[in-house]
Amino acid sequence: METETLPVPVPGPEPEAKVSVASQEQTPSPDQPQQAVESAPAKSEPEFQADEAAKKPKQSVSERIGQIHAQKKQAEADRDFALSTARRLQGELDRLRQQPIDHLPYEQQDAARLQSVVKAERLQEKLAEVDEQSQRTERLLAQQYQAKLEAARERIPTLESAMASIRELPLAPQTAEIVIESELAAEITNWLGTNLAKAWEISALPAHKQAAEIARIESRLKAGPSPRRHSTAPPPPPSITGAYSPAGKDPQTMSMEEYSKWYAARRKA
């Protein structure tokens, strides 16, 4: 009798358990309070800039004056470069306009006219840039002056009234710029405001003479007040004044008794 062997079932791979994303989230236990995550409100641009400005170290007055001075010098350089470019373009444009183009071929005539138009447009752009940089220079000059005055208000008590006194003083622009650029801008301003008669005399002079007077004032202020001169000569001998003896005798030749009487009479006089 043959024996049949039954096939032994081979266990196959177990199906992978599917885990949902929801099941992976932690569920707070009843005794653990659920914490709500709150996002910080986004700051507006002005608030962000204010916070960034607060983090920066405070700028000293001398640093601010130096920064304004550097910006002014850069604005002046940009203005001068734009001005030189404008002058070059103006010369090229004048030469183009002076050249007769009627005898040129038609295509070259159009090219010459186009070149003239392009240079004219560039010239206007450079002239506008010169004007813009000039205005920027004037603004920075005023800022530089105000910063110097602010730094000197506590040091010079009369500065405020001096500034008010010379507000309408008609100094030439070149002279005003010399005052502002000076290290002693506040001191010169105070001097002009406390010496109004002389300040108006200076303002009536031509520009180059105004500049010379301001230079003299600046030199005197740098030197400071003149020290008092002490004489090295010996003091004069004491003079004896008063009534002489009836006989007109010199006290130095009197006897002790005569001198005592003379001195007593002198004290009563």
Protein backbone atom coordinates (compact mmCIF):
# COMPACT_ATOMS: atom_id res chain seq x y z
CA MET A 1 0.00 0.00 0.00
CA GLU A 2 1.55 3.18 -1.14
CA THR A 3 1.60 6.07 1.16
CA GLU A 4 0.82 9.45 -0.25
CA THR A 5 2.73 12.33 1.09
CA LEU A 6 0.66 15.38 1.59
CA PRO A 7 2.24 18.65 0.58
CA VAL A 8 3.26 20.70 3.57
CA PRO A 9 1.96 24.18 3.18
CA VAL A 10 4.87 26.67 3.05
CA PRO A 11 4.00 29.86 4.87
CA GLY A 12 4.07 32.76 2.46
CA PRO A 13 5.13 36.34 3.23
CA GLU A 14 2.90 38.08 5.61
CA PRO A 15 1.03 41.04 4.17
CA GLU A 16 2.55 44.38 5.11
CA ALA A 17 0.57 46.25 7.66
CA LYS A 18 -0.70 49.50 6.32
CA VAL A 19 -0.16 52.36 8.72
CA SER A 20 -2.11 55.48 8.01
CA VAL A 21 -0.61 58.89 8.52
CA ALA A 22 -3.33 59.66 10.96
CA SER A 23 -2.30 56.74 13.14
CA GLN A 24 1.25 58.12 13.39
CA GLU A 25 0.13 61.37 14.93
CA GLN A 26 0.45 61.46 18.66
CA THR A 27 -2.82 61.61 20.42
CA PRO A 28 -2.61 63.42 23.71
CA SER A 29 -3.57 61.38 26.67
CA PRO A 30 -6.50 62.50 28.77
CA ASP A 31 -4.16 63.62 31.57
CA GLN A 32 -1.85 65.55 29.19
CA PRO A 33 -3.21 68.94 28.09
CA GLN A 34 -3.02 69.70 24.42
CA GLN A 35 -0.65 72.56 23.62
CA ALA A 36 -1.70 74.89 20.87
CA VAL A 37 1.13 76.12 18.69
CA GLU A 38 0.71 79.80 18.00
CA SER A 39 2.75 81.46 15.26
CA ALA A 40 4.15 84.94 15.96
CA PRO A 41 2.44 87.63 13.92
CA ALA A 42 4.52 88.81 10.99
CA LYS A 43 6.00 92.25 11.47
CA SER A 44 5.31 95.00 9.02
CA GLU A 45 8.14 96.53 7.01
CA PRO A 46 8.33 99.77 9.12
CA GLU A 47 8.41 97.71 12.34
CA PHE A 48 11.14 95.46 10.94
CA GLN A 49 13.24 98.44 9.88
CA ALA A 50 12.77 100.06 13.30
CA ASP A 51 13.95 96.88 15.04
CA GLU A 52 16.98 96.63 12.76
CA ALA A 53 17.85 100.28 13.40
CA ALA A 54 17.57 99.74 17.17
CA LYS A 55 20.07 96.86 16.98
CA LYS A 56 22.72 99.04 15.32
CA PRO A 57 25.12 100.92 17.62
CA LYS A 58 24.30 104.58 18.08
CA GLN A 59 26.29 106.81 15.75
CA SER A 60 28.32 109.60 17.30
CA VAL A 61 28.04 113.17 16.05
CA SER A 62 31.58 113.14 14.65
CA GLU A 63 30.85 109.89 12.79
CA ARG A 64 27.64 111.35 11.37
CA ILE A 65 29.43 114.50 10.25
CA GLY A 66 32.14 112.38 8.62
CA GLN A 67 29.55 110.23 6.86
CA ILE A 68 27.69 113.27 5.52
CA HIS A 69 31.00 114.77 4.39
CA ALA A 70 31.87 111.58 2.48
CA GLN A 71 28.43 111.48 0.85
CA LYS A 72 28.76 115.13 -0.15
CA LYS A 73 32.17 114.53 -1.71
CA GLN A 74 30.76 111.60 -3.69
CA ALA A 75 27.82 113.72 -4.86
CA GLU A 76 30.23 116.44 -5.96
CA ALA A 77 32.34 113.91 -7.87
CA ASP A 78 29.23 112.51 -9.60
CA ARG A 79 28.10 116.03 -10.46
CA ASP A 80 31.49 116.99 -11.88
CA PHE A 81 31.67 113.80 -13.95
CA ALA A 82 28.17 114.34 -15.34
CA LEU A 83 29.05 117.96 -16.10
CA SER A 84 32.22 117.02 -17.99
CA THR A 85 30.26 114.42 -19.97
CA ALA A 86 27.57 116.98 -20.79
CA ARG A 87 30.19 119.42 -22.04
CA ARG A 88 31.72 116.75 -24.26
CA LEU A 89 28.33 115.81 -25.67
CA GLN A 90 27.51 119.45 -26.29
CA GLY A 91 30.72 119.86 -28.29
CA GLU A 92 30.04 116.76 -30.35
CA LEU A 93 26.47 117.84 -30.98
CA ASP A 94 27.59 121.29 -32.11
CA ARG A 95 30.05 119.77 -34.58
CA LEU A 96 27.39 117.44 -35.97
CA ARG A 97 24.96 120.30 -36.46
CA GLN A 98 27.59 122.40 -38.21
CA GLN A 99 28.35 119.71 -40.77
CA PRO A 100 26.23 119.99 -43.95
CA ILE A 101 24.48 116.69 -44.64
CA ASP A 102 22.55 117.60 -47.76
CA HIS A 103 25.35 116.44 -50.03
CA LEU A 104 25.53 113.03 -48.29
CA PRO A 105 23.73 109.96 -49.67
CA TYR A 106 20.22 109.47 -48.41
CA GLU A 107 21.15 106.60 -46.07
CA GLN A 108 24.00 108.60 -44.52
CA GLN A 109 21.74 111.60 -44.05
CA ASP A 110 19.35 109.55 -41.94
CA ALA A 111 22.26 108.13 -39.92
CA ALA A 112 23.63 111.62 -39.28
CA ARG A 113 20.25 112.92 -38.17
CA LEU A 114 19.77 109.90 -35.89
CA GLN A 115 23.19 110.39 -34.36
CA SER A 116 22.37 114.04 -33.67
CA VAL A 117 19.07 113.09 -31.99
CA VAL A 118 20.73 110.42 -29.81
CA LYS A 119 23.44 112.80 -28.64
CA ALA A 120 20.86 115.49 -27.88
CA GLU A 121 18.91 113.01 -25.72
CA ARG A 122 22.06 111.93 -23.87
CA LEU A 123 22.95 115.57 -23.31
CA GLN A 124 19.59 116.24 -21.69
CA GLU A 125 20.02 113.19 -19.46
CA LYS A 126 23.44 114.36 -18.29
CA LEU A 127 22.20 117.89 -17.65
CA ALA A 128 19.37 116.46 -15.55
CA GLU A 129 21.94 114.37 -13.65
CA VAL A 130 24.05 117.48 -13.01
CA ASP A 131 21.01 119.25 -11.57
CA GLU A 132 20.10 116.25 -9.42
CA GLN A 133 23.59 115.87 -7.97
CA SER A 134 23.83 119.62 -7.35
CA GLN A 135 20.62 119.53 -5.33
CA ARG A 136 21.87 116.49 -3.43
CA THR A 137 25.11 118.31 -2.63
CA GLU A 138 23.17 121.29 -1.27
CA ARG A 139 21.02 119.03 0.93
CA LEU A 140 24.06 117.24 2.33
CA LEU A 141 25.79 120.57 2.91
CA ALA A 142 22.82 121.76 4.97
CA GLN A 143 22.77 118.47 6.91
CA GLN A 144 26.48 118.77 7.62
CA TYR A 145 26.01 122.32 8.94
CA GLN A 146 23.10 121.35 11.17
CA ALA A 147 25.06 118.42 12.61
CA LYS A 148 27.96 120.72 13.53
CA LEU A 149 25.60 123.22 15.15
CA GLU A 150 23.83 120.49 17.13
CA ALA A 151 27.16 119.24 18.43
CA ALA A 152 28.11 122.72 19.65
CA ARG A 153 24.86 123.91 21.25
CA GLU A 154 25.85 122.89 24.77
CA ARG A 155 29.43 124.11 24.32
CA ILE A 156 28.41 127.58 23.03
CA PRO A 157 25.49 129.02 25.06
CA THR A 158 25.01 132.03 22.74
CA LEU A 159 24.87 129.97 19.56
CA GLU A 160 21.07 129.82 19.35
CA SER A 161 20.63 133.60 19.50
CA ALA A 162 23.59 134.11 17.15
CA MET A 163 21.99 131.83 14.56
CA ALA A 164 18.76 133.81 14.75
CA SER A 165 20.66 137.09 14.35
CA ILE A 166 22.39 136.11 11.09
CA ARG A 167 19.49 134.25 9.53
CA GLU A 168 19.05 136.99 6.90
CA LEU A 169 22.76 137.78 6.51
CA PRO A 170 23.37 137.93 2.71
CA LEU A 171 26.66 136.06 2.48
CA ALA A 172 27.81 134.83 -0.93
CA PRO A 173 27.23 131.11 -1.56
CA GLN A 174 30.98 130.51 -1.72
CA THR A 175 31.43 132.23 1.66
CA ALA A 176 28.61 130.24 3.25
CA GLU A 177 30.17 127.02 2.00
CA ILE A 178 33.52 128.02 3.51
CA VAL A 179 31.82 128.53 6.88
CA ILE A 180 30.00 125.20 6.69
CA GLU A 181 33.08 123.25 5.61
CA SER A 182 35.19 124.71 8.42
CA GLU A 183 35.91 122.67 11.54
CA LEU A 184 34.89 125.79 13.47
CA ALA A 185 31.58 126.28 11.65
CA ALA A 186 29.66 126.73 14.90
CA GLU A 187 32.28 129.09 16.36
CA ILE A 188 32.34 131.25 13.21
CA THR A 189 28.54 131.36 13.19
CA ASN A 190 28.53 132.44 16.83
CA TRP A 191 31.17 135.11 16.14
CA LEU A 192 29.18 136.56 13.25
CA GLY A 193 25.98 136.55 15.31
CA THR A 194 27.58 138.31 18.27
CA ASN A 195 29.43 140.84 16.07
CA LEU A 196 26.57 141.88 13.81
CA ALA A 197 28.01 145.20 12.69
CA LYS A 198 31.17 143.53 11.43
CA ALA A 199 29.15 140.64 9.95
CA TRP A 200 27.09 143.04 7.82
CA GLU A 201 30.25 144.83 6.73
CA ILE A 202 31.65 141.50 5.55
CA SER A 203 28.44 140.62 3.69
CA ALA A 204 28.72 143.88 1.70
CA LEU A 205 32.15 142.91 0.33
CA PRO A 206 32.79 141.00 -2.91
CA ALA A 207 32.79 137.21 -2.61
CA HIS A 208 36.58 136.79 -2.62
CA LYS A 209 37.00 139.43 0.09
CA GLN A 210 34.26 137.81 2.16
CA ALA A 211 36.22 134.56 2.02
CA ALA A 212 39.38 136.35 3.15
CA GLU A 213 37.58 137.89 6.14
CA ILE A 214 36.12 134.54 7.15
CA ALA A 215 39.61 133.03 6.95
CA ARG A 216 40.91 135.73 9.31
CA ILE A 217 38.09 135.10 11.77
CA GLU A 218 38.77 131.36 11.65
CA SER A 219 42.48 131.94 12.35
CA ARG A 220 41.71 134.12 15.37
CA LEU A 221 39.25 131.56 16.73
CA LYS A 222 41.79 128.76 16.30
CA ALA A 223 44.41 130.77 18.15
CA GLY A 224 42.00 131.40 21.02
CA PRO A 225 41.86 134.50 23.23
CA SER A 226 45.09 136.44 23.56
CA PRO A 227 46.80 135.74 26.89
CA ARG A 228 47.23 138.66 29.26
CA ARG A 229 50.70 140.11 29.17
CA HIS A 230 52.35 140.46 32.57
CA SER A 231 54.92 143.24 32.88
CA THR A 232 58.32 142.19 34.15
CA ALA A 233 59.28 145.75 35.16
CA PRO A 234 59.72 146.34 38.91
CA PRO A 235 56.82 148.08 40.63
CA PRO A 236 57.18 151.86 41.05
CA PRO A 237 58.19 153.14 44.50
CA PRO A 238 55.27 154.04 46.74
CA SER A 239 54.40 157.68 46.62
CA ILE A 240 53.51 159.45 49.82
CA THR A 241 50.65 161.85 49.40
CA GLY A 242 49.01 164.08 51.88
CA ALA A 243 49.56 167.30 53.72
CA TYR A 244 53.10 168.40 54.30
CA SER A 245 54.32 170.19 57.34
CA PRO A 246 53.54 173.86 57.48
CA ALA A 247 57.13 174.56 56.68
CA GLY A 248 56.93 172.27 53.64
CA LYS A 249 59.58 169.96 55.07
CA ASP A 250 60.15 166.65 53.37
CA PRO A 251 58.89 163.80 55.60
CA GLN A 252 62.02 161.83 54.87
CA THR A 253 64.14 164.49 56.54
CA MET A 254 61.89 164.90 59.59
CA SER A 255 62.82 163.79 63.05
CA MET A 256 60.73 161.11 64.75
CA GLU A 257 58.75 163.74 66.70
CA GLU A 258 58.12 165.83 63.59
CA TYR A 259 57.15 162.75 61.59
CA SER A 260 54.71 161.61 64.30
CA LYS A 261 52.99 164.99 64.28
CA TRP A 262 52.94 165.08 60.49
CA TYR A 263 51.51 161.54 60.29
CA ALA A 264 48.82 162.30 62.88
CA ALA A 265 47.80 165.44 61.02
CA ARG A 266 47.71 163.49 57.77
CA ARG A 267 45.37 160.89 59.21
CA LYS A 268 42.97 163.56 60.40
CA ALA A 269 42.92 165.20 56.98
